Amino acid sequence: MYKIIYKPLALKDINDIYNYIILDNIQVAIKVQETIFNFINYLALFPMLWKQNWNNHNLREIIEPAFKYRIIYKIENNTVFIVWIFKNKNLY
């Protein structure tokens, strides 16, 4: 099993997402945040299943399917580093 470490920018991204959504609906903000964290936890088991980023082969990416957030990460040894998280509006 791989260890998950969030880079500071990824934690800021999650906080920014939460703070933006909470302006409209606190329950949805909590649900989105929980969904992102739960989805990222799958990386601890199978980090190689998702594709490499076409711009940078050291990075990989997954799309969280419920809310369409793109999660960029890299693998070093037995650690998955979550680099950043953003809304992928092109997936609609």
Protein backbone atom coordinates (compact mmCIF):
# COMPACT_ATOMS: atom_id res chain seq x y z
CA MET A 1 0.00 0.00 0.00
CA TYR A 2 1.24 3.47 -0.92
CA LYS A 3 1.34 6.44 1.41
CA ILE A 4 -0.63 9.55 0.35
CA ILE A 5 0.93 12.98 0.89
CA TYR A 6 -0.77 16.21 -0.11
CA LYS A 7 1.45 18.97 -1.47
CA PRO A 8 0.60 22.44 -0.08
CA LEU A 9 -0.95 23.55 -3.38
CA ALA A 10 -3.29 20.53 -3.40
CA LEU A 11 -4.45 21.29 0.14
CA LYS A 12 -5.02 24.90 -0.90
CA ASP A 13 -7.02 23.68 -3.90
CA ILE A 14 -9.27 21.55 -1.70
CA ASN A 15 -9.75 24.43 0.71
CA ASP A 16 -10.54 26.84 -2.15
CA ILE A 17 -13.07 24.39 -3.65
CA TYR A 18 -14.77 24.03 -0.27
CA ASN A 19 -14.83 27.77 0.40
CA TYR A 20 -16.32 28.48 -3.03
CA ILE A 21 -19.10 25.89 -2.74
CA ILE A 22 -19.96 26.72 0.88
CA LEU A 23 -21.16 30.15 -0.26
CA ASP A 24 -24.13 28.37 -1.86
CA ASN A 25 -24.61 25.19 0.13
CA ILE A 26 -22.70 23.85 3.13
CA GLN A 27 -23.97 20.27 2.68
CA VAL A 28 -22.76 20.16 -0.92
CA ALA A 29 -19.39 21.66 0.09
CA ILE A 30 -18.92 18.92 2.67
CA LYS A 31 -20.02 16.21 0.21
CA VAL A 32 -17.63 17.41 -2.51
CA GLN A 33 -14.71 17.58 -0.09
CA GLU A 34 -15.43 14.11 1.31
CA THR A 35 -15.83 12.68 -2.18
CA ILE A 36 -12.47 14.07 -3.32
CA PHE A 37 -10.66 12.74 -0.24
CA ASN A 38 -12.33 9.31 -0.52
CA PHE A 39 -11.51 9.05 -4.21
CA ILE A 40 -7.87 9.97 -3.58
CA ASN A 41 -7.66 7.17 -1.01
CA TYR A 42 -7.97 4.65 -3.86
CA LEU A 43 -4.55 5.80 -5.02
CA ALA A 44 -3.01 4.18 -1.96
CA LEU A 45 -4.02 0.80 -3.38
CA PHE A 46 -3.70 1.22 -7.17
CA PRO A 47 -1.77 4.36 -8.13
CA MET A 48 -0.56 2.98 -11.45
CA LEU A 49 -4.05 2.34 -12.85
CA TRP A 50 -4.56 5.90 -14.01
CA LYS A 51 -2.93 7.49 -17.01
CA GLN A 52 0.23 9.49 -17.23
CA ASN A 53 -0.19 13.18 -17.91
CA TRP A 54 0.57 13.88 -21.57
CA ASN A 55 2.42 17.13 -20.72
CA ASN A 56 4.65 15.65 -18.04
CA HIS A 57 5.31 11.92 -17.86
CA ASN A 58 6.33 12.17 -14.19
CA LEU A 59 2.77 13.14 -13.37
CA ARG A 60 -0.41 11.07 -13.50
CA GLU A 61 -4.01 12.15 -13.43
CA ILE A 62 -7.38 10.85 -12.42
CA ILE A 63 -10.82 12.33 -12.82
CA GLU A 64 -13.10 12.16 -9.81
CA PRO A 65 -16.31 11.09 -11.57
CA ALA A 66 -19.08 12.49 -9.35
CA PHE A 67 -18.07 16.16 -9.44
CA LYS A 68 -15.50 16.08 -12.29
CA TYR A 69 -12.38 17.23 -10.47
CA ARG A 70 -9.03 16.49 -12.07
CA ILE A 71 -6.46 15.22 -9.57
CA ILE A 72 -2.81 15.44 -10.58
CA TYR A 73 -0.31 13.30 -8.69
CA LYS A 74 3.14 11.77 -8.89
CA ILE A 75 4.57 8.56 -7.53
CA GLU A 76 7.95 8.36 -5.84
CA ASN A 77 9.01 5.11 -4.22
CA ASN A 78 6.00 3.98 -2.15
CA THR A 79 4.47 7.45 -1.86
CA VAL A 80 1.77 9.17 -3.90
CA PHE A 81 2.10 12.95 -3.85
CA ILE A 82 -1.11 14.82 -4.63
CA VAL A 83 0.12 17.85 -6.56
CA TRP A 84 -3.03 19.78 -7.42
CA ILE A 85 -6.77 19.48 -7.86
CA PHE A 86 -8.99 21.51 -10.13
CA LYS A 87 -12.41 21.50 -11.78
CA ASN A 88 -12.29 20.14 -15.30
CA LYS A 89 -15.09 21.99 -17.03
CA ASN A 90 -14.27 20.29 -20.34
CA LEU A 91 -15.70 17.02 -19.03
CA TYR A 92 -19.34 18.11 -19.21
